[in-house]
Amino acid sequence: ESGMKKVGTFFKTYLKAIKSGDFAEMKTMNETTSADGGYAVPVEFHKE
């Protein structure tokens, strides 16, 4: 159940990105390297 919950959460977020056409979010999610790894953050956020 725990493993499937992770997949479900991931799937839900991914479909939400597809529905909204947020390709940047999909790309970000594809850049995850591990469960403890990180997602890329836009350069604009660093500047802020």
All heavy atoms as atom14 arrays in JSON, in Angstrom:
{
  "sequence": "ESGMKKVGTFFKTYLKAIKSGDFAEMKTMNETTSADGGYAVPVEFHKE",
  "atom14_mask": [
    [1, 1, 1, 1, 1, 1, 1, 1, 1, 0, 0, 0, 0, 0],
    [1, 1, 1, 1, 1, 1, 0, 0, 0, 0, 0, 0, 0, 0],
    [1, 1, 1, 1, 0, 0, 0, 0, 0, 0, 0, 0, 0, 0],
    [1, 1, 1, 1, 1, 1, 1, 1, 0, 0, 0, 0, 0, 0],
    [1, 1, 1, 1, 1, 1, 1, 1, 1, 0, 0, 0, 0, 0],
    [1, 1, 1, 1, 1, 1, 1, 1, 1, 0, 0, 0, 0, 0],
    [1, 1, 1, 1, 1, 1, 1, 0, 0, 0, 0, 0, 0, 0],
    [1, 1, 1, 1, 0, 0, 0, 0, 0, 0, 0, 0, 0, 0],
    [1, 1, 1, 1, 1, 1, 1, 0, 0, 0, 0, 0, 0, 0],
    [1, 1, 1, 1, 1, 1, 1, 1, 1, 1, 1, 0, 0, 0],
    [1, 1, 1, 1, 1, 1, 1, 1, 1, 1, 1, 0, 0, 0],
    [1, 1, 1, 1, 1, 1, 1, 1, 1, 0, 0, 0, 0, 0],
    [1, 1, 1, 1, 1, 1, 1, 0, 0, 0, 0, 0, 0, 0],
    [1, 1, 1, 1, 1, 1, 1, 1, 1, 1, 1, 1, 0, 0],
    [1, 1, 1, 1, 1, 1, 1, 1, 0, 0, 0, 0, 0, 0],
    [1, 1, 1, 1, 1, 1, 1, 1, 1, 0, 0, 0, 0, 0],
    [1, 1, 1, 1, 1, 0, 0, 0, 0, 0, 0, 0, 0, 0],
    [1, 1, 1, 1, 1, 1, 1, 1, 0, 0, 0, 0, 0, 0],
    [1, 1, 1, 1, 1, 1, 1, 1, 1, 0, 0, 0, 0, 0],
    [1, 1, 1, 1, 1, 1, 0, 0, 0, 0, 0, 0, 0, 0],
    [1, 1, 1, 1, 0, 0, 0, 0, 0, 0, 0, 0, 0, 0],
    [1, 1, 1, 1, 1, 1, 1, 1, 0, 0, 0, 0, 0, 0],
    [1, 1, 1, 1, 1, 1, 1, 1, 1, 1, 1, 0, 0, 0],
    [1, 1, 1, 1, 1, 0, 0, 0, 0, 0, 0, 0, 0, 0],
    [1, 1, 1, 1, 1, 1, 1, 1, 1, 0, 0, 0, 0, 0],
    [1, 1, 1, 1, 1, 1, 1, 1, 0, 0, 0, 0, 0, 0],
    [1, 1, 1, 1, 1, 1, 1, 1, 1, 0, 0, 0, 0, 0],
    [1, 1, 1, 1, 1, 1, 1, 0, 0, 0, 0, 0, 0, 0],
    [1, 1, 1, 1, 1, 1, 1, 1, 0, 0, 0, 0, 0, 0],
    [1, 1, 1, 1, 1, 1, 1, 1, 0, 0, 0, 0, 0, 0],
    [1, 1, 1, 1, 1, 1, 1, 1, 1, 0, 0, 0, 0, 0],
    [1, 1, 1, 1, 1, 1, 1, 0, 0, 0, 0, 0, 0, 0],
    [1, 1, 1, 1, 1, 1, 1, 0, 0, 0, 0, 0, 0, 0],
    [1, 1, 1, 1, 1, 1, 0, 0, 0, 0, 0, 0, 0, 0],
    [1, 1, 1, 1, 1, 0, 0, 0, 0, 0, 0, 0, 0, 0],
    [1, 1, 1, 1, 1, 1, 1, 1, 0, 0, 0, 0, 0, 0],
    [1, 1, 1, 1, 0, 0, 0, 0, 0, 0, 0, 0, 0, 0],
    [1, 1, 1, 1, 0, 0, 0, 0, 0, 0, 0, 0, 0, 0],
    [1, 1, 1, 1, 1, 1, 1, 1, 1, 1, 1, 1, 0, 0],
    [1, 1, 1, 1, 1, 0, 0, 0, 0, 0, 0, 0, 0, 0],
    [1, 1, 1, 1, 1, 1, 1, 0, 0, 0, 0, 0, 0, 0],
    [1, 1, 1, 1, 1, 1, 1, 0, 0, 0, 0, 0, 0, 0],
    [1, 1, 1, 1, 1, 1, 1, 0, 0, 0, 0, 0, 0, 0],
    [1, 1, 1, 1, 1, 1, 1, 1, 1, 0, 0, 0, 0, 0],
    [1, 1, 1, 1, 1, 1, 1, 1, 1, 1, 1, 0, 0, 0],
    [1, 1, 1, 1, 1, 1, 1, 1, 1, 1, 0, 0, 0, 0],
    [1, 1, 1, 1, 1, 1, 1, 1, 1, 0, 0, 0, 0, 0],
    [1, 1, 1, 1, 1, 1, 1, 1, 1, 0, 0, 0, 0, 0]
  ],
  "atom14_positions": [
    [[0.81, -1.21, 0.0], [0.0, 0.0, 0.0], [0.85, 1.27, 0.0], [0.55, 2.23, -0.7], [-0.92, 0.0, 1.21], [-1.86, 1.21, 1.26], [-2.79, 1.14, 2.45], [-2.77, 0.12, 3.14], [-3.53, 2.11, 2.67], [0.0, 0.0, 0.0], [0.0, 0.0, 0.0], [0.0, 0.0, 0.0], [0.0, 0.0, 0.0], [0.0, 0.0, 0.0]],
    [[1.93, 1.24, 0.78], [2.79, 2.42, 0.87], [3.45, 2.73, -0.46], [3.5, 3.87, -0.91], [3.85, 2.21, 1.95], [4.72, 3.31, 2.0], [0.0, 0.0, 0.0], [0.0, 0.0, 0.0], [0.0, 0.0, 0.0], [0.0, 0.0, 0.0], [0.0, 0.0, 0.0], [0.0, 0.0, 0.0], [0.0, 0.0, 0.0], [0.0, 0.0, 0.0]],
    [[3.96, 1.68, -1.12], [4.61, 1.86, -2.4], [3.64, 2.38, -3.45], [3.96, 3.27, -4.23], [0.0, 0.0, 0.0], [0.0, 0.0, 0.0], [0.0, 0.0, 0.0], [0.0, 0.0, 0.0], [0.0, 0.0, 0.0], [0.0, 0.0, 0.0], [0.0, 0.0, 0.0], [0.0, 0.0, 0.0], [0.0, 0.0, 0.0], [0.0, 0.0, 0.0]],
    [[2.42, 1.83, -3.47], [1.44, 2.26, -4.44], [0.96, 3.69, -4.17], [0.61, 4.43, -5.07], [0.25, 1.3, -4.45], [0.59, -0.09, -4.99], [1.4, -0.03, -6.62], [0.07, 0.65, -7.61], [0.0, 0.0, 0.0], [0.0, 0.0, 0.0], [0.0, 0.0, 0.0], [0.0, 0.0, 0.0], [0.0, 0.0, 0.0], [0.0, 0.0, 0.0]],
    [[0.96, 4.08, -2.89], [0.57, 5.44, -2.54], [1.54, 6.44, -3.14], [1.17, 7.5, -3.63], [0.5, 5.6, -1.02], [0.05, 6.99, -0.6], [-0.03, 7.1, 0.92], [-0.46, 8.51, 1.32], [-0.52, 8.66, 2.79], [0.0, 0.0, 0.0], [0.0, 0.0, 0.0], [0.0, 0.0, 0.0], [0.0, 0.0, 0.0], [0.0, 0.0, 0.0]],
    [[2.84, 6.09, -3.1], [3.86, 6.96, -3.7], [3.6, 7.13, -5.19], [3.63, 8.23, -5.72], [5.24, 6.35, -3.5], [5.74, 6.35, -2.07], [7.13, 5.74, -2.03], [7.66, 5.65, -0.62], [8.99, 5.06, -0.57], [0.0, 0.0, 0.0], [0.0, 0.0, 0.0], [0.0, 0.0, 0.0], [0.0, 0.0, 0.0], [0.0, 0.0, 0.0]],
    [[3.34, 6.01, -5.85], [3.1, 6.05, -7.28], [1.85, 6.86, -7.57], [1.79, 7.66, -8.51], [2.96, 4.63, -7.85], [2.62, 4.68, -9.33], [4.26, 3.86, -7.65], [0.0, 0.0, 0.0], [0.0, 0.0, 0.0], [0.0, 0.0, 0.0], [0.0, 0.0, 0.0], [0.0, 0.0, 0.0], [0.0, 0.0, 0.0], [0.0, 0.0, 0.0]],
    [[0.82, 6.68, -6.75], [-0.43, 7.41, -6.94], [-0.24, 8.9, -6.8], [-0.76, 9.69, -7.59], [0.0, 0.0, 0.0], [0.0, 0.0, 0.0], [0.0, 0.0, 0.0], [0.0, 0.0, 0.0], [0.0, 0.0, 0.0], [0.0, 0.0, 0.0], [0.0, 0.0, 0.0], [0.0, 0.0, 0.0], [0.0, 0.0, 0.0], [0.0, 0.0, 0.0]],
    [[0.52, 9.31, -5.79], [0.79, 10.73, -5.59], [1.56, 11.31, -6.77], [1.27, 12.39, -7.28], [1.6, 10.94, -4.29], [0.85, 10.44, -3.2], [1.91, 12.41, -4.07], [0.0, 0.0, 0.0], [0.0, 0.0, 0.0], [0.0, 0.0, 0.0], [0.0, 0.0, 0.0], [0.0, 0.0, 0.0], [0.0, 0.0, 0.0], [0.0, 0.0, 0.0]],
    [[2.57, 10.56, -7.2], [3.38, 10.98, -8.34], [2.52, 11.11, -9.6], [2.6, 12.09, -10.33], [4.48, 9.93, -8.56], [5.55, 10.37, -9.52], [6.66, 11.07, -9.07], [5.44, 10.07, -10.87], [7.64, 11.47, -9.96], [6.43, 10.47, -11.75], [7.52, 11.17, -11.29], [0.0, 0.0, 0.0], [0.0, 0.0, 0.0], [0.0, 0.0, 0.0]],
    [[1.67, 10.09, -9.82], [0.81, 10.06, -11.01], [-0.17, 11.24, -11.01], [-0.37, 11.9, -12.02], [0.05, 8.74, -11.04], [-0.72, 8.51, -12.31], [-0.07, 8.11, -13.47], [-2.09, 8.69, -12.35], [-0.77, 7.9, -14.65], [-2.8, 8.49, -13.51], [-2.14, 8.1, -14.66], [0.0, 0.0, 0.0], [0.0, 0.0, 0.0], [0.0, 0.0, 0.0]],
    [[-0.76, 11.5, -9.81], [-1.73, 12.59, -9.68], [-1.09, 13.93, -10.03], [-1.66, 14.74, -10.76], [-2.28, 12.62, -8.25], [-3.24, 13.77, -7.99], [-3.7, 13.75, -6.54], [-4.59, 14.94, -6.24], [-5.0, 14.96, -4.81], [0.0, 0.0, 0.0], [0.0, 0.0, 0.0], [0.0, 0.0, 0.0], [0.0, 0.0, 0.0], [0.0, 0.0, 0.0]],
    [[0.08, 14.17, -9.5], [0.79, 15.42, -9.75], [1.16, 15.55, -11.22], [1.06, 16.62, -11.82], [2.05, 15.51, -8.88], [1.69, 15.3, -7.52], [2.71, 16.87, -9.02], [0.0, 0.0, 0.0], [0.0, 0.0, 0.0], [0.0, 0.0, 0.0], [0.0, 0.0, 0.0], [0.0, 0.0, 0.0], [0.0, 0.0, 0.0], [0.0, 0.0, 0.0]],
    [[1.6, 14.42, -11.79], [2.02, 14.43, -13.19], [0.86, 14.74, -14.11], [0.95, 15.56, -15.02], [2.62, 13.07, -13.54], [3.69, 13.13, -14.61], [5.03, 12.98, -14.27], [3.37, 13.36, -15.94], [6.02, 13.04, -15.25], [4.35, 13.42, -16.9], [5.67, 13.25, -16.55], [6.64, 13.32, -17.5], [0.0, 0.0, 0.0], [0.0, 0.0, 0.0]],
    [[-0.29, 14.09, -13.85], [-1.46, 14.34, -14.69], [-1.96, 15.78, -14.55], [-2.45, 16.37, -15.5], [-2.58, 13.36, -14.32], [-2.38, 11.91, -14.79], [-3.61, 11.09, -14.47], [-2.09, 11.83, -16.29], [0.0, 0.0, 0.0], [0.0, 0.0, 0.0], [0.0, 0.0, 0.0], [0.0, 0.0, 0.0], [0.0, 0.0, 0.0], [0.0, 0.0, 0.0]],
    [[-1.84, 16.31, -13.32], [-2.23, 17.69, -13.1], [-1.39, 18.62, -13.97], [-1.88, 19.59, -14.54], [-2.06, 18.05, -11.62], [-2.49, 19.47, -11.28], [-2.3, 19.72, -9.79], [-2.67, 21.15, -9.44], [-2.46, 21.42, -7.99], [0.0, 0.0, 0.0], [0.0, 0.0, 0.0], [0.0, 0.0, 0.0], [0.0, 0.0, 0.0], [0.0, 0.0, 0.0]],
    [[-0.09, 18.32, -14.08], [0.81, 19.12, -14.91], [0.43, 19.0, -16.38], [0.44, 19.98, -17.12], [2.25, 18.69, -14.69], [0.0, 0.0, 0.0], [0.0, 0.0, 0.0], [0.0, 0.0, 0.0], [0.0, 0.0, 0.0], [0.0, 0.0, 0.0], [0.0, 0.0, 0.0], [0.0, 0.0, 0.0], [0.0, 0.0, 0.0], [0.0, 0.0, 0.0]],
    [[0.09, 17.77, -16.8], [-0.31, 17.56, -18.2], [-1.6, 18.33, -18.52], [-1.72, 19.0, -19.54], [-0.51, 16.06, -18.49], [0.83, 15.32, -18.37], [-1.11, 15.85, -19.87], [0.7, 13.83, -18.52], [0.0, 0.0, 0.0], [0.0, 0.0, 0.0], [0.0, 0.0, 0.0], [0.0, 0.0, 0.0], [0.0, 0.0, 0.0], [0.0, 0.0, 0.0]],
    [[-2.56, 18.24, -17.58], [-3.86, 18.89, -17.79], [-3.72, 20.39, -17.94], [-4.38, 21.03, -18.75], [-4.78, 18.56, -16.62], [-6.18, 19.15, -16.77], [-7.06, 18.76, -15.59], [-8.44, 19.36, -15.74], [-9.31, 19.01, -14.58], [0.0, 0.0, 0.0], [0.0, 0.0, 0.0], [0.0, 0.0, 0.0], [0.0, 0.0, 0.0], [0.0, 0.0, 0.0]],
    [[-2.84, 20.98, -17.14], [-2.66, 22.43, -17.17], [-1.69, 22.88, -18.26], [-1.5, 24.06, -18.47], [-2.14, 22.92, -15.81], [-0.86, 22.38, -15.55], [0.0, 0.0, 0.0], [0.0, 0.0, 0.0], [0.0, 0.0, 0.0], [0.0, 0.0, 0.0], [0.0, 0.0, 0.0], [0.0, 0.0, 0.0], [0.0, 0.0, 0.0], [0.0, 0.0, 0.0]],
    [[-1.07, 21.88, -18.91], [-0.1, 22.22, -19.94], [1.2, 22.76, -19.39], [1.94, 23.45, -20.08], [0.0, 0.0, 0.0], [0.0, 0.0, 0.0], [0.0, 0.0, 0.0], [0.0, 0.0, 0.0], [0.0, 0.0, 0.0], [0.0, 0.0, 0.0], [0.0, 0.0, 0.0], [0.0, 0.0, 0.0], [0.0, 0.0, 0.0], [0.0, 0.0, 0.0]],
    [[1.46, 22.44, -18.12], [2.67, 22.94, -17.46], [3.84, 22.02, -17.79], [4.22, 21.17, -17.02], [2.45, 23.02, -15.96], [3.59, 23.73, -15.24], [4.58, 24.06, -15.92], [3.48, 23.97, -14.03], [0.0, 0.0, 0.0], [0.0, 0.0, 0.0], [0.0, 0.0, 0.0], [0.0, 0.0, 0.0], [0.0, 0.0, 0.0], [0.0, 0.0, 0.0]],
    [[4.43, 22.21, -18.96], [5.51, 21.34, -19.4], [6.77, 21.55, -18.57], [7.59, 20.64, -18.42], [5.8, 21.57, -20.88], [4.65, 21.2, -21.77], [3.83, 22.19, -22.31], [4.36, 19.87, -22.03], [2.75, 21.84, -23.11], [3.29, 19.53, -22.83], [2.47, 20.51, -23.37], [0.0, 0.0, 0.0], [0.0, 0.0, 0.0], [0.0, 0.0, 0.0]],
    [[6.92, 22.75, -18.0], [8.08, 23.01, -17.13], [8.0, 22.12, -15.89], [9.01, 21.58, -15.44], [8.1, 24.48, -16.71], [0.0, 0.0, 0.0], [0.0, 0.0, 0.0], [0.0, 0.0, 0.0], [0.0, 0.0, 0.0], [0.0, 0.0, 0.0], [0.0, 0.0, 0.0], [0.0, 0.0, 0.0], [0.0, 0.0, 0.0], [0.0, 0.0, 0.0]],
    [[6.81, 21.96, -15.36], [6.64, 21.11, -14.18], [6.95, 19.66, -14.52], [7.59, 18.95, -13.76], [5.21, 21.24, -13.64], [4.88, 20.29, -12.49], [5.64, 20.63, -11.23], [6.24, 21.71, -11.16], [5.65, 19.8, -10.31], [0.0, 0.0, 0.0], [0.0, 0.0, 0.0], [0.0, 0.0, 0.0], [0.0, 0.0, 0.0], [0.0, 0.0, 0.0]],
    [[6.49, 19.21, -15.7], [6.77, 17.83, -16.11], [8.27, 17.62, -16.27], [8.81, 16.59, -15.88], [6.04, 17.51, -17.41], [4.53, 17.34, -17.25], [3.74, 16.82, -18.77], [3.58, 18.36, -19.61], [0.0, 0.0, 0.0], [0.0, 0.0, 0.0], [0.0, 0.0, 0.0], [0.0, 0.0, 0.0], [0.0, 0.0, 0.0], [0.0, 0.0, 0.0]],
    [[8.94, 18.62, -16.87], [10.38, 18.51, -17.04], [11.08, 18.46, -15.69], [11.99, 17.67, -15.47], [10.9, 19.71, -17.84], [12.39, 19.7, -18.11], [12.8, 20.89, -18.94], [14.28, 20.85, -19.28], [15.12, 20.94, -18.1], [0.0, 0.0, 0.0], [0.0, 0.0, 0.0], [0.0, 0.0, 0.0], [0.0, 0.0, 0.0], [0.0, 0.0, 0.0]],
    [[10.62, 19.29, -14.77], [11.2, 19.3, -13.43], [11.08, 17.94, -12.78], [12.02, 17.43, -12.19], [10.49, 20.36, -12.56], [10.74, 21.65, -13.09], [10.99, 20.31, -11.12], [0.0, 0.0, 0.0], [0.0, 0.0, 0.0], [0.0, 0.0, 0.0], [0.0, 0.0, 0.0], [0.0, 0.0, 0.0], [0.0, 0.0, 0.0], [0.0, 0.0, 0.0]],
    [[9.9, 17.34, -12.9], [9.69, 16.05, -12.27], [10.56, 14.98, -12.91], [11.0, 14.05, -12.24], [8.22, 15.66, -12.36], [7.31, 16.6, -11.57], [5.59, 16.1, -11.64], [5.66, 14.59, -10.7], [0.0, 0.0, 0.0], [0.0, 0.0, 0.0], [0.0, 0.0, 0.0], [0.0, 0.0, 0.0], [0.0, 0.0, 0.0], [0.0, 0.0, 0.0]],
    [[10.83, 15.13, -14.19], [11.69, 14.15, -14.86], [13.13, 14.26, -14.41], [13.92, 13.35, -14.62], [11.63, 14.36, -16.38], [10.34, 13.81, -16.95], [9.73, 12.93, -16.37], [9.92, 14.36, -18.08], [0.0, 0.0, 0.0], [0.0, 0.0, 0.0], [0.0, 0.0, 0.0], [0.0, 0.0, 0.0], [0.0, 0.0, 0.0], [0.0, 0.0, 0.0]],
    [[13.51, 15.39, -13.77], [14.89, 15.59, -13.38], [15.2, 15.04, -11.99], [16.32, 15.14, -11.52], [15.22, 17.09, -13.41], [15.31, 17.62, -14.83], [15.54, 19.11, -14.86], [15.45, 19.74, -13.81], [15.8, 19.63, -15.96], [0.0, 0.0, 0.0], [0.0, 0.0, 0.0], [0.0, 0.0, 0.0], [0.0, 0.0, 0.0], [0.0, 0.0, 0.0]],
    [[14.19, 14.49, -11.31], [14.46, 13.92, -10.0], [15.43, 12.76, -10.12], [15.33, 11.93, -11.01], [13.15, 13.45, -9.32], [13.47, 12.93, -8.03], [12.46, 12.38, -10.12], [0.0, 0.0, 0.0], [0.0, 0.0, 0.0], [0.0, 0.0, 0.0], [0.0, 0.0, 0.0], [0.0, 0.0, 0.0], [0.0, 0.0, 0.0], [0.0, 0.0, 0.0]],
    [[16.39, 12.68, -9.23], [17.42, 11.66, -9.32], [17.21, 10.53, -8.33], [17.69, 9.43, -8.55], [18.8, 12.29, -9.07], [18.8, 12.96, -7.8], [19.12, 13.32, -10.14], [0.0, 0.0, 0.0], [0.0, 0.0, 0.0], [0.0, 0.0, 0.0], [0.0, 0.0, 0.0], [0.0, 0.0, 0.0], [0.0, 0.0, 0.0], [0.0, 0.0, 0.0]],
    [[16.54, 10.8, -7.23], [16.27, 9.76, -6.24], [15.23, 10.25, -5.29], [14.83, 11.41, -5.31], [17.55, 9.41, -5.47], [17.9, 10.48, -4.62], [0.0, 0.0, 0.0], [0.0, 0.0, 0.0], [0.0, 0.0, 0.0], [0.0, 0.0, 0.0], [0.0, 0.0, 0.0], [0.0, 0.0, 0.0], [0.0, 0.0, 0.0], [0.0, 0.0, 0.0]],
    [[14.76, 9.36, -4.4], [13.74, 9.74, -3.44], [14.23, 10.83, -2.51], [13.44, 11.6, -1.98], [13.31, 8.52, -2.63], [0.0, 0.0, 0.0], [0.0, 0.0, 0.0], [0.0, 0.0, 0.0], [0.0, 0.0, 0.0], [0.0, 0.0, 0.0], [0.0, 0.0, 0.0], [0.0, 0.0, 0.0], [0.0, 0.0, 0.0], [0.0, 0.0, 0.0]],
    [[15.52, 10.91, -2.29], [16.08, 11.94, -1.43], [16.77, 13.03, -2.25], [17.43, 13.9, -1.71], [17.12, 11.34, -0.46], [16.46, 10.43, 0.55], [15.29, 10.69, 0.87], [17.11, 9.48, 0.99], [0.0, 0.0, 0.0], [0.0, 0.0, 0.0], [0.0, 0.0, 0.0], [0.0, 0.0, 0.0], [0.0, 0.0, 0.0], [0.0, 0.0, 0.0]],
    [[16.6, 12.97, -3.57], [17.27, 13.94, -4.44], [16.45, 15.18, -4.62], [15.42, 15.38, -3.99], [0.0, 0.0, 0.0], [0.0, 0.0, 0.0], [0.0, 0.0, 0.0], [0.0, 0.0, 0.0], [0.0, 0.0, 0.0], [0.0, 0.0, 0.0], [0.0, 0.0, 0.0], [0.0, 0.0, 0.0], [0.0, 0.0, 0.0], [0.0, 0.0, 0.0]],
    [[16.87, 16.05, -5.54], [16.2, 17.33, -5.69], [15.7, 17.57, -7.09], [16.1, 16.91, -8.04], [0.0, 0.0, 0.0], [0.0, 0.0, 0.0], [0.0, 0.0, 0.0], [0.0, 0.0, 0.0], [0.0, 0.0, 0.0], [0.0, 0.0, 0.0], [0.0, 0.0, 0.0], [0.0, 0.0, 0.0], [0.0, 0.0, 0.0], [0.0, 0.0, 0.0]],
    [[14.8, 18.53, -7.19], [14.31, 18.99, -8.47], [15.0, 20.31, -8.8], [15.33, 21.08, -7.91], [12.79, 19.25, -8.42], [11.96, 18.08, -7.99], [10.8, 18.29, -7.25], [12.32, 16.77, -8.32], [10.01, 17.23, -6.85], [11.54, 15.71, -7.91], [10.38, 15.94, -7.18], [9.6, 14.89, -6.78], [0.0, 0.0, 0.0], [0.0, 0.0, 0.0]],
    [[15.16, 20.56, -10.07], [15.77, 21.83, -10.47], [14.82, 22.98, -10.15], [13.62, 22.84, -10.2], [16.05, 21.8, -11.98], [0.0, 0.0, 0.0], [0.0, 0.0, 0.0], [0.0, 0.0, 0.0], [0.0, 0.0, 0.0], [0.0, 0.0, 0.0], [0.0, 0.0, 0.0], [0.0, 0.0, 0.0], [0.0, 0.0, 0.0], [0.0, 0.0, 0.0]],
    [[15.38, 24.11, -9.8], [14.6, 25.3, -9.49], [14.98, 26.39, -10.49], [16.16, 26.56, -10.79], [14.87, 25.78, -8.04], [14.11, 27.06, -7.75], [14.49, 24.7, -7.06], [0.0, 0.0, 0.0], [0.0, 0.0, 0.0], [0.0, 0.0, 0.0], [0.0, 0.0, 0.0], [0.0, 0.0, 0.0], [0.0, 0.0, 0.0], [0.0, 0.0, 0.0]],
    [[14.01, 27.12, -11.04], [14.31, 28.13, -12.06], [15.33, 29.16, -11.59], [15.38, 29.51, -10.41], [12.94, 28.79, -12.3], [11.95, 27.76, -11.9], [12.57, 27.0, -10.77], [0.0, 0.0, 0.0], [0.0, 0.0, 0.0], [0.0, 0.0, 0.0], [0.0, 0.0, 0.0], [0.0, 0.0, 0.0], [0.0, 0.0, 0.0], [0.0, 0.0, 0.0]],
    [[16.12, 29.64, -12.53], [17.14, 30.64, -12.22], [16.5, 31.9, -11.63], [17.07, 32.55, -10.76], [17.93, 31.0, -13.5], [18.87, 32.18, -13.24], [18.7, 29.8, -14.0], [0.0, 0.0, 0.0], [0.0, 0.0, 0.0], [0.0, 0.0, 0.0], [0.0, 0.0, 0.0], [0.0, 0.0, 0.0], [0.0, 0.0, 0.0], [0.0, 0.0, 0.0]],
    [[15.28, 32.23, -12.08], [14.6, 33.42, -11.59], [14.39, 33.34, -10.08], [14.4, 34.36, -9.38], [13.25, 33.59, -12.29], [13.33, 33.99, -13.75], [13.77, 32.85, -14.66], [13.7, 31.69, -14.22], [14.18, 33.13, -15.8], [0.0, 0.0, 0.0], [0.0, 0.0, 0.0], [0.0, 0.0, 0.0], [0.0, 0.0, 0.0], [0.0, 0.0, 0.0]],
    [[14.18, 32.12, -9.57], [13.99, 31.95, -8.13], [15.28, 32.27, -7.39], [15.25, 32.89, -6.33], [13.55, 30.51, -7.85], [13.24, 30.25, -6.4], [12.12, 30.8, -5.81], [14.06, 29.44, -5.64], [11.83, 30.57, -4.48], [13.78, 29.2, -4.31], [12.65, 29.77, -3.73], [0.0, 0.0, 0.0], [0.0, 0.0, 0.0], [0.0, 0.0, 0.0]],
    [[16.42, 31.86, -7.94], [17.71, 32.19, -7.33], [17.89, 33.71, -7.27], [18.33, 34.25, -6.26], [18.86, 31.58, -8.14], [18.79, 30.09, -8.26], [19.58, 29.39, -9.13], [18.04, 29.17, -7.62], [19.32, 28.1, -9.04], [18.37, 27.95, -8.14], [0.0, 0.0, 0.0], [0.0, 0.0, 0.0], [0.0, 0.0, 0.0], [0.0, 0.0, 0.0]],
    [[17.54, 34.38, -8.37], [17.7, 35.83, -8.42], [16.83, 36.51, -7.36], [17.23, 37.5, -6.75], [17.34, 36.34, -9.82], [18.31, 35.9, -10.9], [17.89, 36.44, -12.26], [18.86, 36.0, -13.35], [18.42, 36.47, -14.69], [0.0, 0.0, 0.0], [0.0, 0.0, 0.0], [0.0, 0.0, 0.0], [0.0, 0.0, 0.0], [0.0, 0.0, 0.0]],
    [[15.63, 35.98, -7.16], [14.73, 36.56, -6.16], [15.29, 36.37, -4.75], [15.2, 37.26, -3.91], [13.34, 35.91, -6.26], [12.33, 36.41, -5.25], [11.99, 37.88, -5.38], [12.35, 38.49, -6.41], [11.37, 38.43, -4.46], [0.0, 0.0, 0.0], [0.0, 0.0, 0.0], [0.0, 0.0, 0.0], [0.0, 0.0, 0.0], [0.0, 0.0, 0.0]]
  ]
}
